[in-house]
């Protein structure tokens, strides 16, 4: 749906601008942390893309991106716990370990951060749409591949379909997988599908950051992933 692609592009731009406002109001250090945590509740992918385009210490920004990834995983775990708790027997341990690793690495990279680590002035336009439009093109391609995969693989390729769907929207992918519970598909298979969606979404976050951000940001981000 072209409308969904455009909405995501506007969402990423809005998060970028809200992050800019938070940094101006709260100071670079506190503004970065708060805008990251709350922005990732909406979309960790869009939040990571916004961080990749922000000026400042690349390692600190990568730490914030790690927190965004942690929030994304915990959000998925909460969705699974509310809809189909039995799935967590398969997906829970790996998901919690991943969230813990992202959280620990984020804390290590942000520990001791001061306003001096982040510039007061924004050297880039927070509403620069060039990298956002590039991601919108990638988003559209992945969405088409996801639909084709679901059509041709069906439940036999649940993990493949979940991984491709997770590239676009991990929440939507997980919700669609969890709806299969009770339809003759084992909870283990569904749990593996949830993990596949999380893994592919992490991959998209990284490649988007590498495409839109400088090396000092995406190198530590890659190491954490």
N, C-alpha and C. Protein backbone atom coordinates (compact mmCIF):
# COMPACT_ATOMS: atom_id res chain seq x y z
N UNK A 1 0.85 -1.18 0.00
CA UNK A 1 0.00 0.00 0.00
C UNK A 1 0.90 1.24 0.00
N UNK A 2 0.89 2.04 -1.06
CA UNK A 2 1.75 3.24 -1.11
C UNK A 2 1.48 4.20 0.04
N UNK A 3 0.23 4.23 0.51
CA UNK A 3 -0.10 5.11 1.63
C UNK A 3 0.66 4.74 2.89
N UNK A 4 0.81 3.42 3.16
CA UNK A 4 1.54 2.98 4.34
C UNK A 4 3.02 3.36 4.24
N UNK A 5 3.57 3.26 3.03
CA UNK A 5 4.98 3.62 2.83
C UNK A 5 5.18 5.10 3.10
N UNK A 6 4.28 5.92 2.61
CA UNK A 6 4.40 7.36 2.82
C UNK A 6 4.22 7.72 4.29
N UNK A 7 3.28 7.03 4.97
CA UNK A 7 3.08 7.28 6.40
C UNK A 7 4.34 6.95 7.17
N UNK A 8 5.02 5.85 6.83
CA UNK A 8 6.25 5.49 7.53
C UNK A 8 7.32 6.54 7.29
N UNK A 9 7.42 7.06 6.07
CA UNK A 9 8.40 8.09 5.77
C UNK A 9 8.15 9.34 6.61
N UNK A 10 6.88 9.74 6.72
CA UNK A 10 6.53 10.90 7.54
C UNK A 10 6.79 10.62 9.01
N UNK A 11 6.54 9.37 9.45
CA UNK A 11 6.81 9.01 10.84
C UNK A 11 8.28 9.15 11.17
N UNK A 12 9.14 8.66 10.28
CA UNK A 12 10.58 8.77 10.50
C UNK A 12 11.00 10.24 10.57
N UNK A 13 10.44 11.07 9.70
CA UNK A 13 10.76 12.50 9.71
C UNK A 13 10.27 13.15 11.00
N UNK A 14 9.08 12.76 11.46
CA UNK A 14 8.52 13.33 12.69
C UNK A 14 9.37 12.97 13.90
N UNK A 15 9.82 11.71 13.96
CA UNK A 15 10.66 11.29 15.08
C UNK A 15 11.99 12.03 15.07
N UNK A 16 12.52 12.26 13.89
CA UNK A 16 13.76 13.01 13.77
C UNK A 16 13.58 14.43 14.31
N UNK A 17 12.47 15.05 13.95
CA UNK A 17 12.23 16.42 14.38
C UNK A 17 11.92 16.48 15.88
N UNK A 18 11.18 15.48 16.42
CA UNK A 18 10.90 15.45 17.84
C UNK A 18 12.18 15.25 18.64
N UNK A 19 13.09 14.42 18.11
CA UNK A 19 14.38 14.26 18.75
C UNK A 19 15.15 15.57 18.79
N UNK A 20 15.06 16.33 17.70
CA UNK A 20 15.72 17.64 17.62
C UNK A 20 15.15 18.58 18.69
N UNK A 21 13.81 18.57 18.85
CA UNK A 21 13.17 19.43 19.85
C UNK A 21 13.58 19.02 21.26
N UNK A 22 13.60 17.68 21.53
CA UNK A 22 13.96 17.20 22.86
C UNK A 22 15.38 17.60 23.21
N UNK A 23 16.29 17.49 22.25
CA UNK A 23 17.68 17.86 22.51
C UNK A 23 17.82 19.35 22.78
N UNK A 24 17.05 20.15 22.06
CA UNK A 24 17.11 21.61 22.27
C UNK A 24 16.54 21.99 23.63
N UNK A 25 15.48 21.27 24.09
CA UNK A 25 14.82 21.62 25.34
C UNK A 25 15.51 21.04 26.56
N UNK A 26 15.96 19.78 26.48
CA UNK A 26 16.49 19.07 27.64
C UNK A 26 18.01 19.04 27.68
N UNK A 27 18.64 19.47 26.62
CA UNK A 27 20.09 19.34 26.52
C UNK A 27 20.43 18.10 25.72
N UNK A 28 21.58 18.09 25.09
CA UNK A 28 21.93 16.98 24.20
C UNK A 28 21.90 15.61 24.85
N UNK A 29 22.42 15.47 26.08
CA UNK A 29 22.53 14.15 26.70
C UNK A 29 21.16 13.60 27.09
N UNK A 30 20.40 14.33 27.90
CA UNK A 30 19.08 13.87 28.35
C UNK A 30 18.11 13.81 27.20
N UNK A 31 18.17 14.78 26.30
CA UNK A 31 17.25 14.80 25.17
C UNK A 31 17.44 13.59 24.28
N UNK A 32 18.69 13.18 24.07
CA UNK A 32 18.96 12.01 23.25
C UNK A 32 18.35 10.76 23.85
N UNK A 33 18.53 10.56 25.15
CA UNK A 33 18.05 9.36 25.81
C UNK A 33 16.52 9.29 25.81
N UNK A 34 15.87 10.39 26.20
CA UNK A 34 14.41 10.37 26.30
C UNK A 34 13.75 10.25 24.92
N UNK A 35 14.26 10.98 23.95
CA UNK A 35 13.67 10.91 22.62
C UNK A 35 13.85 9.52 22.03
N UNK A 36 14.98 8.87 22.35
CA UNK A 36 15.24 7.53 21.85
C UNK A 36 14.28 6.51 22.46
N UNK A 37 14.14 6.54 23.78
CA UNK A 37 13.29 5.56 24.46
C UNK A 37 11.84 5.69 24.05
N UNK A 38 11.33 6.91 24.01
CA UNK A 38 9.93 7.09 23.66
C UNK A 38 9.69 6.92 22.15
N UNK A 39 10.65 7.37 21.35
CA UNK A 39 10.51 7.21 19.91
C UNK A 39 10.51 5.76 19.49
N UNK A 40 11.31 4.92 20.16
CA UNK A 40 11.38 3.51 19.79
C UNK A 40 10.12 2.75 20.19
N UNK A 41 9.32 3.32 21.08
CA UNK A 41 8.02 2.71 21.36
C UNK A 41 7.11 2.77 20.14
N UNK A 42 7.33 3.77 19.30
CA UNK A 42 6.56 3.90 18.07
C UNK A 42 7.18 3.08 16.96
N UNK A 43 8.47 3.28 16.71
CA UNK A 43 9.17 2.52 15.66
C UNK A 43 10.66 2.57 15.94
N UNK A 44 11.24 1.42 16.29
CA UNK A 44 12.67 1.39 16.56
C UNK A 44 13.48 1.58 15.27
N UNK A 45 12.92 1.12 14.15
CA UNK A 45 13.61 1.29 12.87
C UNK A 45 13.70 2.76 12.49
N UNK A 46 12.57 3.46 12.60
CA UNK A 46 12.57 4.89 12.30
C UNK A 46 13.46 5.65 13.29
N UNK A 47 13.47 5.20 14.55
CA UNK A 47 14.30 5.86 15.55
C UNK A 47 15.78 5.67 15.24
N UNK A 48 16.15 4.45 14.84
CA UNK A 48 17.55 4.19 14.49
C UNK A 48 17.97 5.01 13.28
N UNK A 49 17.09 5.11 12.31
CA UNK A 49 17.37 5.93 11.13
C UNK A 49 17.56 7.39 11.51
N UNK A 50 16.75 7.86 12.44
CA UNK A 50 16.89 9.24 12.92
C UNK A 50 18.22 9.44 13.63
N UNK A 51 18.63 8.48 14.46
CA UNK A 51 19.91 8.57 15.16
C UNK A 51 21.08 8.55 14.18
N UNK A 52 20.95 7.74 13.13
CA UNK A 52 22.03 7.66 12.14
C UNK A 52 22.27 8.99 11.46
N UNK A 53 21.23 9.80 11.36
CA UNK A 53 21.33 11.08 10.67
C UNK A 53 21.66 12.24 11.61
N UNK A 54 21.79 11.96 12.90
CA UNK A 54 22.03 13.01 13.88
C UNK A 54 23.52 13.29 14.02
N UNK A 55 23.89 14.53 14.23
CA UNK A 55 25.30 14.86 14.47
C UNK A 55 25.68 14.50 15.90
N UNK A 56 26.96 14.32 16.14
CA UNK A 56 27.41 14.03 17.49
C UNK A 56 28.34 12.83 17.53
N UNK A 57 28.67 12.40 18.73
CA UNK A 57 29.55 11.27 18.96
C UNK A 57 28.87 9.99 18.44
N UNK A 58 29.48 9.35 17.45
CA UNK A 58 28.88 8.16 16.86
C UNK A 58 28.68 7.04 17.85
N UNK A 59 29.61 6.87 18.79
CA UNK A 59 29.50 5.80 19.78
C UNK A 59 28.31 6.05 20.70
N UNK A 60 28.10 7.31 21.10
CA UNK A 60 26.96 7.63 21.95
C UNK A 60 25.65 7.38 21.21
N UNK A 61 25.61 7.78 19.95
CA UNK A 61 24.40 7.57 19.16
C UNK A 61 24.13 6.07 18.96
N UNK A 62 25.19 5.29 18.77
CA UNK A 62 25.03 3.84 18.64
C UNK A 62 24.50 3.24 19.94
N UNK A 63 24.91 3.80 21.08
CA UNK A 63 24.38 3.35 22.36
C UNK A 63 22.89 3.61 22.47
N UNK A 64 22.47 4.79 22.00
CA UNK A 64 21.03 5.09 22.00
C UNK A 64 20.29 4.14 21.08
N UNK A 65 20.90 3.80 19.94
CA UNK A 65 20.27 2.85 19.01
C UNK A 65 20.15 1.47 19.66
N UNK A 66 21.10 1.11 20.51
CA UNK A 66 21.02 -0.17 21.23
C UNK A 66 19.83 -0.18 22.18
N UNK A 67 19.60 0.95 22.84
CA UNK A 67 18.42 1.05 23.71
C UNK A 67 17.14 0.94 22.89
N UNK A 68 17.13 1.53 21.70
CA UNK A 68 15.96 1.44 20.83
C UNK A 68 15.69 -0.02 20.46
N UNK A 69 16.75 -0.77 20.17
CA UNK A 69 16.59 -2.19 19.85
C UNK A 69 16.05 -2.96 21.04
N UNK A 70 16.55 -2.64 22.24
CA UNK A 70 16.06 -3.30 23.45
C UNK A 70 14.57 -3.08 23.65
N UNK A 71 14.13 -1.83 23.46
CA UNK A 71 12.72 -1.50 23.61
C UNK A 71 11.88 -2.26 22.59
N UNK A 72 12.38 -2.36 21.35
CA UNK A 72 11.66 -3.07 20.31
C UNK A 72 11.45 -4.54 20.68
N UNK A 73 12.48 -5.19 21.18
CA UNK A 73 12.38 -6.61 21.56
C UNK A 73 11.41 -6.78 22.72
N UNK A 74 11.53 -5.94 23.74
CA UNK A 74 10.64 -6.05 24.89
C UNK A 74 9.19 -5.78 24.50
N UNK A 75 8.98 -4.89 23.54
CA UNK A 75 7.63 -4.61 23.05
C UNK A 75 7.03 -5.85 22.39
N UNK A 76 7.84 -6.57 21.60
CA UNK A 76 7.37 -7.79 20.96
C UNK A 76 7.08 -8.88 21.99
N UNK A 77 7.95 -8.98 23.00
CA UNK A 77 7.74 -9.97 24.07
C UNK A 77 6.43 -9.69 24.80
N UNK A 78 6.14 -8.42 25.05
CA UNK A 78 4.89 -8.05 25.71
C UNK A 78 3.68 -8.43 24.85
N UNK A 79 3.77 -8.18 23.56
CA UNK A 79 2.68 -8.55 22.65
C UNK A 79 2.45 -10.06 22.69
N UNK A 80 3.53 -10.83 22.65
CA UNK A 80 3.42 -12.29 22.69
C UNK A 80 2.84 -12.75 24.02
N UNK A 81 3.25 -12.13 25.12
CA UNK A 81 2.76 -12.52 26.44
C UNK A 81 1.27 -12.26 26.58
N UNK A 82 0.78 -11.22 25.95
CA UNK A 82 -0.64 -10.89 26.04
C UNK A 82 -1.50 -11.76 25.13
N UNK A 83 -0.98 -12.15 23.98
CA UNK A 83 -1.78 -12.87 22.99
C UNK A 83 -1.59 -14.37 23.08
N UNK A 84 -0.36 -14.83 23.21
CA UNK A 84 -0.08 -16.26 23.22
C UNK A 84 1.14 -16.53 24.09
N UNK A 85 0.96 -16.57 25.42
CA UNK A 85 2.10 -16.73 26.33
C UNK A 85 2.91 -18.00 26.09
N UNK A 86 2.27 -19.07 25.61
CA UNK A 86 2.98 -20.33 25.42
C UNK A 86 4.12 -20.20 24.42
N UNK A 87 4.02 -19.23 23.52
CA UNK A 87 5.07 -19.02 22.52
C UNK A 87 6.38 -18.60 23.18
N UNK A 88 6.29 -17.97 24.35
CA UNK A 88 7.49 -17.48 25.02
C UNK A 88 8.37 -18.60 25.53
N UNK A 89 7.83 -19.83 25.65
CA UNK A 89 8.70 -20.93 26.05
C UNK A 89 9.78 -21.18 25.01
N UNK A 90 9.48 -20.87 23.75
CA UNK A 90 10.47 -21.00 22.67
C UNK A 90 11.20 -19.69 22.41
N UNK A 91 10.44 -18.61 22.27
CA UNK A 91 11.04 -17.33 21.86
C UNK A 91 11.57 -16.52 23.04
N UNK A 92 11.02 -16.74 24.25
CA UNK A 92 11.36 -15.91 25.39
C UNK A 92 12.83 -15.87 25.76
N UNK A 93 13.47 -17.03 25.99
CA UNK A 93 14.88 -16.99 26.42
C UNK A 93 15.79 -16.22 25.47
N UNK A 94 15.72 -16.52 24.18
CA UNK A 94 16.58 -15.83 23.21
C UNK A 94 16.25 -14.35 23.15
N UNK A 95 14.95 -14.02 23.22
CA UNK A 95 14.54 -12.62 23.14
C UNK A 95 15.04 -11.83 24.35
N UNK A 96 14.93 -12.42 25.54
CA UNK A 96 15.38 -11.72 26.74
C UNK A 96 16.90 -11.55 26.75
N UNK A 97 17.62 -12.57 26.29
CA UNK A 97 19.08 -12.45 26.21
C UNK A 97 19.47 -11.34 25.24
N UNK A 98 18.79 -11.29 24.08
CA UNK A 98 19.09 -10.24 23.10
C UNK A 98 18.80 -8.86 23.68
N UNK A 99 17.66 -8.72 24.37
CA UNK A 99 17.31 -7.43 24.98
C UNK A 99 18.35 -7.04 26.04
N UNK A 100 18.81 -8.03 26.82
CA UNK A 100 19.81 -7.75 27.85
C UNK A 100 21.13 -7.30 27.23
N UNK A 101 21.53 -7.94 26.13
CA UNK A 101 22.78 -7.56 25.46
C UNK A 101 22.67 -6.14 24.91
N UNK A 102 21.56 -5.84 24.24
CA UNK A 102 21.38 -4.48 23.70
C UNK A 102 21.36 -3.46 24.83
N UNK A 103 20.65 -3.78 25.93
CA UNK A 103 20.58 -2.85 27.04
C UNK A 103 21.93 -2.62 27.70
N UNK A 104 22.71 -3.70 27.91
CA UNK A 104 24.02 -3.57 28.53
C UNK A 104 24.97 -2.78 27.65
N UNK A 105 24.98 -3.09 26.35
CA UNK A 105 25.87 -2.37 25.43
C UNK A 105 25.47 -0.90 25.32
N UNK A 106 24.16 -0.65 25.32
CA UNK A 106 23.70 0.73 25.29
C UNK A 106 24.14 1.49 26.52
N UNK A 107 24.03 0.84 27.69
CA UNK A 107 24.45 1.50 28.92
C UNK A 107 25.95 1.77 28.92
N UNK A 108 26.74 0.81 28.46
CA UNK A 108 28.20 0.99 28.42
C UNK A 108 28.59 2.14 27.50
N UNK A 109 27.92 2.24 26.34
CA UNK A 109 28.28 3.29 25.39
C UNK A 109 27.78 4.66 25.80
N UNK A 110 26.72 4.69 26.62
CA UNK A 110 26.16 5.98 27.05
C UNK A 110 26.63 6.39 28.44
N UNK A 111 27.28 5.46 29.15
CA UNK A 111 27.71 5.75 30.51
C UNK A 111 28.68 6.93 30.53
N UNK A 112 28.38 7.87 31.41
CA UNK A 112 29.24 9.04 31.55
C UNK A 112 29.05 10.09 30.48
N UNK A 113 28.01 9.96 29.67
CA UNK A 113 27.80 10.93 28.60
C UNK A 113 27.44 12.30 29.18
N UNK A 114 28.01 13.33 28.63
CA UNK A 114 27.71 14.69 29.02
C UNK A 114 27.23 15.46 27.79
N UNK A 115 26.70 16.64 28.03
CA UNK A 115 26.23 17.46 26.92
C UNK A 115 27.35 17.79 25.95
N UNK A 116 28.59 17.78 26.45
CA UNK A 116 29.72 18.08 25.58
C UNK A 116 29.96 17.04 24.51
N UNK A 117 29.42 15.82 24.73
CA UNK A 117 29.59 14.76 23.73
C UNK A 117 28.68 14.95 22.53
N UNK A 118 27.65 15.78 22.69
CA UNK A 118 26.70 16.01 21.62
C UNK A 118 26.64 17.50 21.33
N UNK A 119 26.71 17.91 20.08
CA UNK A 119 26.72 19.34 19.77
C UNK A 119 25.38 19.97 20.06
N UNK A 120 25.44 21.22 20.50
CA UNK A 120 24.20 21.96 20.77
C UNK A 120 23.44 22.25 19.49
N UNK A 121 24.17 22.60 18.45
CA UNK A 121 23.52 22.96 17.19
C UNK A 121 23.42 21.74 16.30
N UNK A 122 22.34 21.65 15.57
CA UNK A 122 22.14 20.57 14.62
C UNK A 122 22.75 20.98 13.29
N UNK A 123 23.78 20.23 12.87
CA UNK A 123 24.44 20.55 11.62
C UNK A 123 23.69 20.04 10.40
N UNK A 124 22.74 19.15 10.65
CA UNK A 124 21.94 18.62 9.55
C UNK A 124 20.49 19.02 9.73
N UNK A 125 19.80 19.15 8.63
CA UNK A 125 18.39 19.46 8.67
C UNK A 125 17.63 18.25 9.22
N UNK A 126 16.90 18.38 10.35
CA UNK A 126 16.21 17.23 10.91
C UNK A 126 15.10 16.70 10.01
N UNK A 127 14.69 17.49 9.04
CA UNK A 127 13.65 17.04 8.11
C UNK A 127 14.21 16.78 6.72
N UNK A 128 15.49 16.51 6.62
CA UNK A 128 16.09 16.15 5.34
C UNK A 128 15.49 14.83 4.87
N UNK A 129 14.81 14.84 3.74
CA UNK A 129 14.05 13.67 3.31
C UNK A 129 14.82 12.72 2.40
N UNK A 130 16.03 13.08 2.01
CA UNK A 130 16.75 12.22 1.07
C UNK A 130 16.98 10.81 1.61
N UNK A 131 17.59 10.67 2.81
CA UNK A 131 17.75 9.31 3.33
C UNK A 131 16.44 8.63 3.67
N UNK A 132 15.42 9.45 4.06
CA UNK A 132 14.13 8.86 4.37
C UNK A 132 13.46 8.30 3.12
N UNK A 133 13.57 9.01 2.01
CA UNK A 133 12.99 8.52 0.76
C UNK A 133 13.72 7.28 0.27
N UNK A 134 15.03 7.22 0.52
CA UNK A 134 15.78 6.01 0.16
C UNK A 134 15.25 4.82 0.95
N UNK A 135 15.01 5.02 2.24
CA UNK A 135 14.48 3.94 3.03
C UNK A 135 13.07 3.57 2.59
N UNK A 136 12.27 4.57 2.16
CA UNK A 136 10.92 4.28 1.69
C UNK A 136 10.95 3.35 0.48
N UNK A 137 11.93 3.54 -0.39
CA UNK A 137 12.07 2.65 -1.55
C UNK A 137 12.39 1.23 -1.09
N UNK A 138 13.32 1.10 -0.15
CA UNK A 138 13.67 -0.21 0.40
C UNK A 138 12.45 -0.83 1.07
N UNK A 139 11.72 -0.03 1.83
CA UNK A 139 10.51 -0.48 2.52
C UNK A 139 9.51 -1.05 1.51
N UNK A 140 9.32 -0.36 0.39
CA UNK A 140 8.37 -0.81 -0.62
C UNK A 140 8.79 -2.14 -1.24
N UNK A 141 10.07 -2.27 -1.54
CA UNK A 141 10.56 -3.52 -2.14
C UNK A 141 10.37 -4.69 -1.20
N UNK A 142 10.72 -4.49 0.08
CA UNK A 142 10.59 -5.56 1.06
C UNK A 142 9.12 -5.93 1.26
N UNK A 143 8.23 -4.94 1.24
CA UNK A 143 6.81 -5.22 1.41
C UNK A 143 6.28 -6.10 0.28
N UNK A 144 6.70 -5.82 -0.93
CA UNK A 144 6.26 -6.64 -2.08
C UNK A 144 6.78 -8.06 -1.95
N UNK A 145 8.06 -8.20 -1.59
CA UNK A 145 8.65 -9.53 -1.41
C UNK A 145 7.93 -10.29 -0.30
N UNK A 146 7.54 -9.58 0.77
CA UNK A 146 6.83 -10.21 1.88
C UNK A 146 5.50 -10.79 1.42
N UNK A 147 4.75 -10.02 0.64
CA UNK A 147 3.46 -10.50 0.14
C UNK A 147 3.64 -11.72 -0.75
N UNK A 148 4.63 -11.68 -1.64
CA UNK A 148 4.87 -12.81 -2.54
C UNK A 148 5.30 -14.05 -1.75
N UNK A 149 6.13 -13.86 -0.73
CA UNK A 149 6.57 -14.98 0.09
C UNK A 149 5.40 -15.62 0.81
N UNK A 150 4.52 -14.80 1.38
CA UNK A 150 3.35 -15.33 2.08
C UNK A 150 2.44 -16.09 1.13
N UNK A 151 2.32 -15.60 -0.10
CA UNK A 151 1.42 -16.24 -1.07
C UNK A 151 1.96 -17.58 -1.53
N UNK A 152 3.26 -17.68 -1.76
CA UNK A 152 3.82 -18.89 -2.37
C UNK A 152 4.34 -19.91 -1.36
N UNK A 153 4.76 -19.46 -0.16
CA UNK A 153 5.28 -20.40 0.83
C UNK A 153 4.20 -20.85 1.81
N UNK A 154 3.29 -19.94 2.17
CA UNK A 154 2.25 -20.29 3.12
C UNK A 154 2.84 -20.67 4.48
N UNK A 155 2.14 -21.57 5.21
CA UNK A 155 2.58 -21.96 6.55
C UNK A 155 3.83 -22.84 6.51
N UNK A 156 4.10 -23.48 5.35
CA UNK A 156 5.28 -24.33 5.25
C UNK A 156 6.57 -23.53 5.37
N UNK A 157 6.52 -22.29 4.97
CA UNK A 157 7.69 -21.42 5.07
C UNK A 157 7.46 -20.31 6.06
N UNK A 158 6.89 -20.67 7.24
CA UNK A 158 6.51 -19.65 8.23
C UNK A 158 7.69 -18.78 8.64
N UNK A 159 8.84 -19.41 8.92
CA UNK A 159 10.00 -18.64 9.36
C UNK A 159 10.47 -17.68 8.27
N UNK A 160 10.45 -18.16 7.01
CA UNK A 160 10.87 -17.31 5.90
C UNK A 160 9.93 -16.12 5.74
N UNK A 161 8.62 -16.42 5.77
CA UNK A 161 7.63 -15.35 5.64
C UNK A 161 7.73 -14.37 6.81
N UNK A 162 7.93 -14.89 8.03
CA UNK A 162 8.04 -14.03 9.20
C UNK A 162 9.27 -13.13 9.10
N UNK A 163 10.38 -13.71 8.62
CA UNK A 163 11.60 -12.92 8.49
C UNK A 163 11.43 -11.80 7.48
N UNK A 164 10.80 -12.10 6.36
CA UNK A 164 10.60 -11.07 5.34
C UNK A 164 9.61 -10.02 5.82
N UNK A 165 8.53 -10.46 6.48
CA UNK A 165 7.56 -9.50 7.01
C UNK A 165 8.16 -8.64 8.10
N UNK A 166 9.03 -9.25 8.92
CA UNK A 166 9.65 -8.50 10.01
C UNK A 166 10.56 -7.40 9.53
N UNK A 167 11.07 -7.52 8.30
CA UNK A 167 11.89 -6.44 7.74
C UNK A 167 11.09 -5.15 7.62
N UNK A 168 9.80 -5.28 7.35
CA UNK A 168 8.95 -4.12 7.13
C UNK A 168 8.37 -3.60 8.44
N UNK A 169 7.75 -4.50 9.20
CA UNK A 169 7.08 -4.10 10.44
C UNK A 169 7.08 -5.28 11.37
N UNK A 170 7.93 -5.27 12.38
CA UNK A 170 8.07 -6.44 13.24
C UNK A 170 6.80 -6.68 14.05
N UNK A 171 6.11 -5.61 14.47
CA UNK A 171 4.89 -5.79 15.25
C UNK A 171 3.81 -6.46 14.42
N UNK A 172 3.62 -5.99 13.20
CA UNK A 172 2.61 -6.59 12.31
C UNK A 172 2.97 -8.03 11.99
N UNK A 173 4.27 -8.30 11.78
CA UNK A 173 4.70 -9.66 11.47
C UNK A 173 4.43 -10.59 12.64
N UNK A 174 4.75 -10.15 13.85
CA UNK A 174 4.54 -10.99 15.03
C UNK A 174 3.05 -11.21 15.29
N UNK A 175 2.26 -10.17 15.13
CA UNK A 175 0.82 -10.32 15.33
C UNK A 175 0.22 -11.33 14.35
N UNK A 176 0.65 -11.26 13.10
CA UNK A 176 0.13 -12.19 12.09
C UNK A 176 0.55 -13.62 12.39
N UNK A 177 1.77 -13.80 12.95
CA UNK A 177 2.25 -15.13 13.31
C UNK A 177 1.46 -15.67 14.51
N UNK A 178 1.27 -14.83 15.52
CA UNK A 178 0.58 -15.28 16.72
C UNK A 178 -0.86 -15.67 16.45
N UNK A 179 -1.46 -15.09 15.42
CA UNK A 179 -2.83 -15.45 15.07
C UNK A 179 -2.94 -16.88 14.56
N UNK A 180 -1.82 -17.49 14.20
CA UNK A 180 -1.82 -18.87 13.70
C UNK A 180 -1.89 -19.89 14.83
N UNK A 181 -1.73 -19.43 16.08
CA UNK A 181 -1.79 -20.34 17.21
C UNK A 181 -3.15 -21.02 17.26
N UNK A 182 -3.16 -22.34 17.38
CA UNK A 182 -4.42 -23.08 17.42
C UNK A 182 -4.91 -23.54 16.06
N UNK A 183 -4.18 -23.23 15.00
CA UNK A 183 -4.58 -23.64 13.65
C UNK A 183 -3.74 -24.81 13.15
N UNK A 184 -3.32 -25.66 14.07
CA UNK A 184 -2.54 -26.83 13.68
C UNK A 184 -1.06 -26.57 13.55
N UNK A 185 -0.59 -25.38 13.93
CA UNK A 185 0.84 -25.04 13.88
C UNK A 185 1.37 -25.03 15.30
N UNK A 186 2.47 -25.71 15.54
CA UNK A 186 3.01 -25.85 16.89
C UNK A 186 3.51 -24.51 17.43
N UNK A 187 3.51 -24.40 18.76
CA UNK A 187 3.99 -23.17 19.39
C UNK A 187 5.48 -22.99 19.15
N UNK A 188 6.22 -24.11 19.02
CA UNK A 188 7.65 -24.00 18.74
C UNK A 188 7.89 -23.34 17.38
N UNK A 189 7.11 -23.74 16.38
CA UNK A 189 7.26 -23.16 15.05
C UNK A 189 6.89 -21.68 15.06
N UNK A 190 5.85 -21.35 15.79
CA UNK A 190 5.45 -19.94 15.89
C UNK A 190 6.50 -19.14 16.64
N UNK A 191 7.06 -19.72 17.71
CA UNK A 191 8.11 -19.05 18.45
C UNK A 191 9.34 -18.78 17.59
N UNK A 192 9.70 -19.76 16.77
CA UNK A 192 10.83 -19.56 15.86
C UNK A 192 10.51 -18.48 14.82
N UNK A 193 9.25 -18.40 14.42
CA UNK A 193 8.84 -17.34 13.50
C UNK A 193 8.98 -15.96 14.13
N UNK A 194 8.64 -15.85 15.42
CA UNK A 194 8.81 -14.58 16.14
C UNK A 194 10.28 -14.18 16.18
N UNK A 195 11.15 -15.15 16.47
CA UNK A 195 12.58 -14.85 16.51
C UNK A 195 13.12 -14.48 15.14
N UNK A 196 12.60 -15.13 14.09
CA UNK A 196 13.03 -14.79 12.73
C UNK A 196 12.63 -13.36 12.38
N UNK A 197 11.43 -12.95 12.80
CA UNK A 197 10.99 -11.57 12.55
C UNK A 197 11.87 -10.57 13.29
N UNK A 198 12.22 -10.88 14.54
CA UNK A 198 13.08 -9.99 15.32
C UNK A 198 14.47 -9.88 14.68
N UNK A 199 15.01 -11.01 14.24
CA UNK A 199 16.35 -11.01 13.65
C UNK A 199 16.38 -10.22 12.35
N UNK A 200 15.38 -10.42 11.50
CA UNK A 200 15.37 -9.70 10.22
C UNK A 200 15.16 -8.22 10.44
N UNK A 201 14.35 -7.85 11.44
CA UNK A 201 14.13 -6.44 11.74
C UNK A 201 15.41 -5.78 12.22
N UNK A 202 16.20 -6.52 13.02
CA UNK A 202 17.49 -6.01 13.47
C UNK A 202 18.42 -5.79 12.28
N UNK A 203 18.36 -6.71 11.31
CA UNK A 203 19.21 -6.58 10.12
C UNK A 203 18.83 -5.33 9.32
N UNK A 204 17.53 -5.08 9.19
CA UNK A 204 17.08 -3.89 8.46
C UNK A 204 17.51 -2.63 9.18
N UNK A 205 17.40 -2.63 10.50
CA UNK A 205 17.85 -1.45 11.26
C UNK A 205 19.32 -1.17 11.00
N UNK A 206 20.12 -2.24 10.99
CA UNK A 206 21.55 -2.04 10.78
C UNK A 206 21.85 -1.53 9.38
N UNK A 207 21.30 -2.17 8.35
CA UNK A 207 21.61 -1.76 6.98
C UNK A 207 21.06 -0.37 6.68
N UNK A 208 19.93 -0.01 7.29
CA UNK A 208 19.40 1.34 7.12
C UNK A 208 20.35 2.35 7.75
N UNK A 209 20.86 2.01 8.94
CA UNK A 209 21.80 2.90 9.62
C UNK A 209 23.09 3.03 8.83
N UNK A 210 23.55 1.91 8.24
CA UNK A 210 24.79 1.95 7.46
C UNK A 210 24.61 2.79 6.20
N UNK A 211 23.40 2.76 5.63
CA UNK A 211 23.15 3.53 4.41
C UNK A 211 23.00 5.02 4.70
N UNK A 212 22.45 5.36 5.88
CA UNK A 212 22.14 6.76 6.17
C UNK A 212 23.13 7.42 7.10
N UNK A 213 23.91 6.62 7.85
CA UNK A 213 24.77 7.21 8.87
C UNK A 213 26.24 7.07 8.57
N UNK A 214 27.06 7.80 9.31
CA UNK A 214 28.52 7.75 9.12
C UNK A 214 29.12 6.50 9.77
N UNK A 215 30.36 6.21 9.41
CA UNK A 215 31.03 5.01 9.94
C UNK A 215 31.16 5.01 11.45
N UNK A 216 31.48 6.15 12.11
CA UNK A 216 31.59 6.12 13.58
C UNK A 216 30.30 5.70 14.27
N UNK A 217 29.16 5.80 13.57
CA UNK A 217 27.89 5.34 14.15
C UNK A 217 27.65 3.87 13.84
N UNK A 218 27.74 3.49 12.58
CA UNK A 218 27.29 2.14 12.24
C UNK A 218 28.30 1.04 12.57
N UNK A 219 29.57 1.38 12.76
CA UNK A 219 30.53 0.34 13.15
C UNK A 219 30.25 -0.22 14.55
N UNK A 220 30.13 0.63 15.58
CA UNK A 220 29.76 0.07 16.89
C UNK A 220 28.36 -0.51 16.91
N UNK A 221 27.46 0.06 16.11
CA UNK A 221 26.10 -0.48 16.00
C UNK A 221 26.15 -1.89 15.42
N UNK A 222 27.02 -2.10 14.42
CA UNK A 222 27.17 -3.42 13.82
C UNK A 222 27.74 -4.40 14.83
N UNK A 223 28.71 -3.96 15.63
CA UNK A 223 29.33 -4.83 16.63
C UNK A 223 28.30 -5.32 17.65
N UNK A 224 27.42 -4.43 18.09
CA UNK A 224 26.40 -4.81 19.06
C UNK A 224 25.41 -5.79 18.45
N UNK A 225 25.01 -5.53 17.22
CA UNK A 225 24.07 -6.44 16.55
C UNK A 225 24.67 -7.82 16.36
